[in-house]
N, C-alpha and C. Protein backbone atom coordinates (compact mmCIF):
# COMPACT_ATOMS: atom_id res chain seq x y z
N UNK A 1 -117.74 148.57 37.75
CA UNK A 1 -118.37 149.27 37.68
C UNK A 1 -119.52 148.80 38.85
N UNK A 2 -119.69 149.96 39.93
CA UNK A 2 -120.52 149.87 40.94
C UNK A 2 -122.07 149.80 40.44
N UNK A 3 -122.68 148.82 40.99
CA UNK A 3 -124.13 148.38 40.84
C UNK A 3 -125.15 149.62 41.00
N UNK A 4 -124.58 150.79 41.68
CA UNK A 4 -125.56 151.93 42.14
C UNK A 4 -125.72 153.00 40.67
N UNK A 5 -124.79 152.57 39.52
CA UNK A 5 -125.12 153.45 38.58
C UNK A 5 -124.89 152.65 37.31
N UNK A 6 -126.14 151.86 37.39
CA UNK A 6 -126.51 150.81 36.25
C UNK A 6 -128.07 151.01 35.36
N UNK A 7 -128.79 151.46 36.10
CA UNK A 7 -130.07 151.68 36.05
C UNK A 7 -130.63 153.15 35.34
N UNK A 8 -130.90 153.02 33.90
CA UNK A 8 -131.24 154.27 33.40
C UNK A 8 -132.87 154.73 33.64
N UNK A 9 -132.59 155.85 34.30
CA UNK A 9 -133.95 156.58 34.94
C UNK A 9 -134.39 157.64 33.82
N UNK A 10 -134.87 157.78 33.06
CA UNK A 10 -135.35 158.83 32.09
C UNK A 10 -135.60 160.10 32.67
N UNK A 11 -135.40 160.91 32.39
CA UNK A 11 -135.38 162.40 33.22
C UNK A 11 -134.79 162.59 34.66
N UNK A 12 -134.11 161.66 35.25
CA UNK A 12 -133.47 161.48 36.31
C UNK A 12 -132.10 161.22 36.36
N UNK A 13 -131.60 160.49 35.57
CA UNK A 13 -130.29 160.38 35.83
C UNK A 13 -129.84 158.51 35.29
N UNK A 14 -128.59 158.26 35.66
CA UNK A 14 -128.09 157.00 35.86
C UNK A 14 -128.03 156.32 37.15
N UNK A 15 -128.91 155.66 37.81
CA UNK A 15 -128.38 154.79 38.81
C UNK A 15 -128.54 156.33 39.75
N UNK A 16 -127.15 156.22 40.68
CA UNK A 16 -126.87 156.94 41.66
C UNK A 16 -126.28 158.40 40.88
N UNK A 17 -126.11 158.55 40.11
CA UNK A 17 -125.87 159.80 39.28
C UNK A 17 -127.15 160.48 38.56
N UNK A 18 -127.24 161.51 39.07
CA UNK A 18 -128.71 162.25 39.01
C UNK A 18 -128.12 163.54 37.95
N UNK A 19 -129.00 163.91 36.86
CA UNK A 19 -129.16 165.34 36.56
C UNK A 19 -128.88 166.32 37.43
N UNK A 20 -128.12 167.23 37.60
CA UNK A 20 -128.20 168.67 38.19
C UNK A 20 -126.98 168.30 39.46
N UNK A 21 -126.22 167.24 39.39
CA UNK A 21 -125.14 166.92 40.39
C UNK A 21 -124.14 167.86 39.75
N UNK A 22 -123.02 168.12 40.97
CA UNK A 22 -121.57 168.47 40.55
C UNK A 22 -120.69 168.15 40.11
N UNK A 23 -119.53 168.19 39.69
CA UNK A 23 -118.56 167.26 39.05
C UNK A 23 -118.09 166.75 40.49
N UNK A 24 -117.88 167.28 41.56
CA UNK A 24 -117.35 166.68 42.67
C UNK A 24 -118.06 165.43 43.39
N UNK A 25 -119.65 165.91 43.01
CA UNK A 25 -120.60 164.91 43.75
C UNK A 25 -120.41 163.41 42.81
N UNK A 26 -120.41 163.66 40.91
CA UNK A 26 -120.18 162.67 40.23
C UNK A 26 -119.12 162.05 40.27
N UNK A 27 -117.92 162.62 40.79
CA UNK A 27 -116.75 161.98 40.80
C UNK A 27 -116.74 161.10 42.05
N UNK A 28 -117.43 161.48 43.29
CA UNK A 28 -117.28 160.66 44.46
C UNK A 28 -118.16 159.01 44.08
N UNK A 29 -118.86 159.60 43.11
CA UNK A 29 -119.65 157.74 42.62
C UNK A 29 -119.09 157.60 41.72
N UNK A 30 -118.84 158.05 40.48
CA UNK A 30 -118.32 157.35 39.39
C UNK A 30 -116.56 157.24 39.20
N UNK A 31 -116.06 157.99 40.06
CA UNK A 31 -114.59 158.08 39.86
C UNK A 31 -114.38 159.20 38.94
N UNK A 32 -112.60 158.88 38.65
CA UNK A 32 -112.17 160.02 38.16
C UNK A 32 -112.33 159.37 36.22
N UNK A 33 -112.58 160.09 35.42
CA UNK A 33 -113.13 160.02 34.15
C UNK A 33 -111.65 159.52 33.60
N UNK A 34 -111.71 158.77 32.21
CA UNK A 34 -110.74 158.42 31.63
C UNK A 34 -110.07 159.40 30.88
N UNK A 35 -111.30 160.35 30.37
CA UNK A 35 -110.89 161.42 29.40
C UNK A 35 -111.89 162.77 29.77
N UNK A 36 -111.39 163.61 29.45
CA UNK A 36 -112.03 164.61 29.90
C UNK A 36 -111.92 165.58 28.55
N UNK A 37 -113.20 165.98 28.01
CA UNK A 37 -112.92 166.78 26.80
C UNK A 37 -113.72 168.03 26.59
N UNK A 38 -113.11 169.48 26.47
CA UNK A 38 -113.99 170.52 26.43
C UNK A 38 -114.49 170.97 25.59
N UNK A 39 -115.56 171.03 25.09
CA UNK A 39 -116.51 171.42 24.04
C UNK A 39 -117.05 173.13 23.90
N UNK A 40 -117.23 173.30 22.69
CA UNK A 40 -118.05 174.61 22.81
C UNK A 40 -119.58 174.23 22.89
N UNK A 41 -120.39 175.19 23.35
CA UNK A 41 -122.04 174.87 23.51
C UNK A 41 -122.35 174.67 22.45
N UNK A 42 -123.57 174.04 22.31
CA UNK A 42 -124.46 173.86 21.01
C UNK A 42 -124.65 175.26 20.36
N UNK A 43 -125.10 176.31 20.76
CA UNK A 43 -125.55 177.45 20.57
C UNK A 43 -124.65 178.56 21.26
N UNK A 44 -124.02 179.25 20.62
CA UNK A 44 -123.44 180.47 21.37
C UNK A 44 -124.12 181.01 22.66
N UNK A 45 -125.64 181.60 22.13
CA UNK A 45 -126.30 182.23 22.94
C UNK A 45 -126.97 181.22 23.82
N UNK A 46 -126.85 180.17 23.75
CA UNK A 46 -127.46 179.10 24.87
C UNK A 46 -126.54 178.35 25.54
N UNK A 47 -125.67 177.74 25.31
CA UNK A 47 -124.67 177.02 26.06
C UNK A 47 -122.95 177.89 25.71
N UNK A 48 -122.57 178.31 26.86
CA UNK A 48 -121.35 178.75 26.51
C UNK A 48 -119.82 177.86 26.30
N UNK A 49 -120.09 176.89 27.31
CA UNK A 49 -119.05 175.76 27.26
C UNK A 49 -119.29 174.48 27.97
N UNK A 50 -119.01 173.23 27.68
CA UNK A 50 -119.53 172.09 27.93
C UNK A 50 -117.97 171.27 28.23
N UNK A 51 -118.48 170.52 29.38
CA UNK A 51 -117.27 169.59 29.54
C UNK A 51 -117.62 168.16 29.62
N UNK A 52 -117.00 167.34 28.87
CA UNK A 52 -117.50 165.92 28.50
C UNK A 52 -116.57 165.12 29.44
N UNK A 53 -117.07 163.99 30.37
CA UNK A 53 -116.30 163.25 30.68
C UNK A 53 -116.73 161.73 30.27
N UNK A 54 -115.43 160.89 29.76
CA UNK A 54 -115.79 159.64 29.10
C UNK A 54 -115.26 158.62 30.30
N UNK A 55 -116.09 157.65 30.40
CA UNK A 55 -115.43 156.57 31.30
C UNK A 55 -115.30 155.20 30.24
N UNK A 56 -114.13 154.85 29.75
CA UNK A 56 -113.93 153.46 28.87
C UNK A 56 -114.44 152.43 29.32
N UNK A 57 -114.33 151.61 30.50
CA UNK A 57 -114.65 150.85 30.96
C UNK A 57 -116.19 149.98 30.51
N UNK A 58 -116.87 150.99 30.79
CA UNK A 58 -118.50 150.66 30.57
C UNK A 58 -118.96 151.74 29.50
N UNK A 59 -118.37 152.35 28.87
CA UNK A 59 -118.71 153.53 27.35
C UNK A 59 -119.81 154.01 28.00
N UNK A 60 -119.55 155.09 29.00
CA UNK A 60 -120.38 156.10 28.97
C UNK A 60 -119.78 157.19 28.89
N UNK A 61 -120.58 158.46 28.69
CA UNK A 61 -119.85 159.54 28.78
C UNK A 61 -121.19 160.84 29.72
N UNK A 62 -120.52 161.60 29.97
CA UNK A 62 -121.17 162.68 31.04
C UNK A 62 -120.92 164.05 30.61
N UNK A 63 -121.94 164.98 30.77
CA UNK A 63 -121.51 166.32 30.32
C UNK A 63 -122.11 167.09 31.48
N UNK A 64 -121.39 168.34 31.47
CA UNK A 64 -121.47 169.24 32.46
C UNK A 64 -121.67 170.56 31.76
N UNK A 65 -122.32 171.36 32.06
CA UNK A 65 -123.17 172.91 31.31
C UNK A 65 -122.29 174.09 32.21
N UNK A 66 -121.61 174.59 31.57
CA UNK A 66 -121.03 176.02 32.46
C UNK A 66 -122.01 176.99 32.78
N UNK A 67 -122.96 177.10 31.82
CA UNK A 67 -124.22 177.88 31.91
C UNK A 67 -125.15 177.39 33.13
N UNK A 68 -125.12 176.01 33.44
CA UNK A 68 -125.71 175.42 34.86
C UNK A 68 -124.88 175.11 35.91
N UNK A 69 -123.87 176.11 36.21
CA UNK A 69 -122.92 176.18 37.07
C UNK A 69 -122.19 174.74 37.21
N UNK A 70 -121.55 174.28 35.91
CA UNK A 70 -121.05 172.95 35.75
C UNK A 70 -121.93 171.62 36.30
N UNK A 71 -123.03 171.72 36.37
CA UNK A 71 -123.61 170.88 36.47
C UNK A 71 -124.07 169.59 35.78
N UNK A 72 -124.29 168.34 35.91
CA UNK A 72 -124.42 166.97 35.19
C UNK A 72 -125.93 167.48 33.98
N UNK A 73 -125.43 167.60 32.67
CA UNK A 73 -126.83 168.15 32.35
C UNK A 73 -127.05 166.85 31.06
N UNK A 74 -126.23 166.04 30.86
CA UNK A 74 -126.55 164.76 29.84
C UNK A 74 -125.72 163.54 30.28
N UNK A 75 -126.19 162.64 29.63
CA UNK A 75 -125.58 161.48 30.13
C UNK A 75 -125.85 160.38 28.85
N UNK A 76 -124.80 159.88 28.66
CA UNK A 76 -124.75 158.65 26.93
C UNK A 76 -124.01 157.47 27.46
N UNK A 77 -124.86 156.29 27.26
CA UNK A 77 -124.44 155.22 27.31
C UNK A 77 -124.47 154.62 26.14
N UNK A 78 -123.37 153.33 25.92
CA UNK A 78 -123.19 152.72 24.69
C UNK A 78 -122.53 151.12 25.39
N UNK A 79 -122.86 151.03 26.39
CA UNK A 79 -122.47 149.35 26.92
C UNK A 79 -123.88 148.58 27.28
N UNK A 80 -124.14 147.63 27.07
CA UNK A 80 -125.36 146.65 27.14
C UNK A 80 -125.08 146.25 28.72
N UNK A 81 -124.19 146.74 29.75
CA UNK A 81 -124.37 146.45 30.92
C UNK A 81 -125.33 147.36 31.28
N UNK A 82 -125.56 148.69 31.18
CA UNK A 82 -126.73 149.36 31.45
C UNK A 82 -127.84 148.98 31.30
N UNK A 83 -129.20 149.15 31.91
CA UNK A 83 -130.16 148.41 31.94
C UNK A 83 -131.40 149.41 32.05
N UNK A 84 -132.43 149.44 31.35
CA UNK A 84 -133.65 150.08 31.35
C UNK A 84 -134.77 149.25 31.95
N UNK A 85 -135.45 149.35 32.96
CA UNK A 85 -136.60 148.57 33.39
C UNK A 85 -135.46 146.98 33.81
N UNK A 86 -134.49 146.98 34.39
CA UNK A 86 -133.90 145.44 34.22
C UNK A 86 -133.56 145.20 33.23
N UNK A 87 -133.77 145.40 32.03
CA UNK A 87 -133.26 144.85 30.62
C UNK A 87 -132.34 145.95 29.85
N UNK A 88 -131.16 145.01 29.52
CA UNK A 88 -130.29 145.67 28.58
C UNK A 88 -130.94 146.04 27.38
N UNK A 89 -131.05 147.65 26.63
CA UNK A 89 -131.47 147.64 25.79
C UNK A 89 -130.50 148.22 24.79
N UNK A 90 -129.22 148.66 25.13
CA UNK A 90 -128.09 148.56 24.02
C UNK A 90 -127.95 147.53 23.48
N UNK A 91 -128.23 147.31 21.57
CA UNK A 91 -128.00 146.54 20.93
C UNK A 91 -129.29 145.65 20.83
N UNK A 92 -130.59 146.18 21.31
CA UNK A 92 -131.91 145.80 20.91
C UNK A 92 -132.33 146.16 19.73
N UNK A 93 -132.98 145.26 19.13
CA UNK A 93 -134.11 145.91 18.03
C UNK A 93 -135.08 146.95 18.53
N UNK A 94 -135.05 147.83 17.36
CA UNK A 94 -135.94 148.90 17.68
C UNK A 94 -137.35 148.67 18.04
N UNK A 95 -138.06 147.19 17.62
CA UNK A 95 -139.29 147.15 17.85
C UNK A 95 -139.42 146.61 19.35
N UNK A 96 -138.23 146.07 19.61
CA UNK A 96 -138.03 145.45 21.07
C UNK A 96 -138.05 146.59 22.04
N UNK A 97 -137.45 147.41 21.60
CA UNK A 97 -137.35 148.75 22.47
C UNK A 97 -138.42 149.63 22.81
N UNK A 98 -139.39 149.19 21.60
CA UNK A 98 -140.62 149.92 21.64
C UNK A 98 -142.13 149.38 22.51
N UNK A 99 -141.58 147.94 21.91
CA UNK A 99 -142.45 147.11 22.83
C UNK A 99 -142.28 146.91 24.38
N UNK A 100 -140.77 147.20 24.67
CA UNK A 100 -140.73 147.33 26.09
C UNK A 100 -141.20 148.79 26.79
N UNK A 101 -141.26 149.41 25.76
CA UNK A 101 -141.67 151.30 26.43
C UNK A 101 -143.13 151.53 26.43
N UNK A 102 -144.14 150.49 26.02
CA UNK A 102 -145.57 150.42 25.55
C UNK A 102 -145.85 149.81 26.87
N UNK A 103 -145.17 149.00 27.48
CA UNK A 103 -145.46 147.87 28.77
C UNK A 103 -145.02 148.48 29.75
N UNK A 104 -144.49 149.76 30.04
CA UNK A 104 -143.84 150.41 31.36
C UNK A 104 -144.99 150.71 31.90
N UNK A 105 -145.49 150.58 33.00
CA UNK A 105 -146.70 150.82 33.79
C UNK A 105 -146.39 152.47 34.15
């Protein structure tokens, strides 16, 4: 895994992966996904179609939305490899995460 996609940045993305990027831009950074899943939108009136890319090695997923010209709209991580302000929060107790959030400048 590239170090440039390690840090969770709320409202911005995951390191070099930024919300609003195209699928081609994402592929240049993260590479080809291990699995691609086409999903119906959350609500027919809001989301027509979604495409979810899954990366198995570091357990993260990226979602692209047809209503936004197939741009990156969601990122999910479940591997302790990823960090938030330099700390791995996956697997942390809830109170530890809350303390970390309160101490962010």
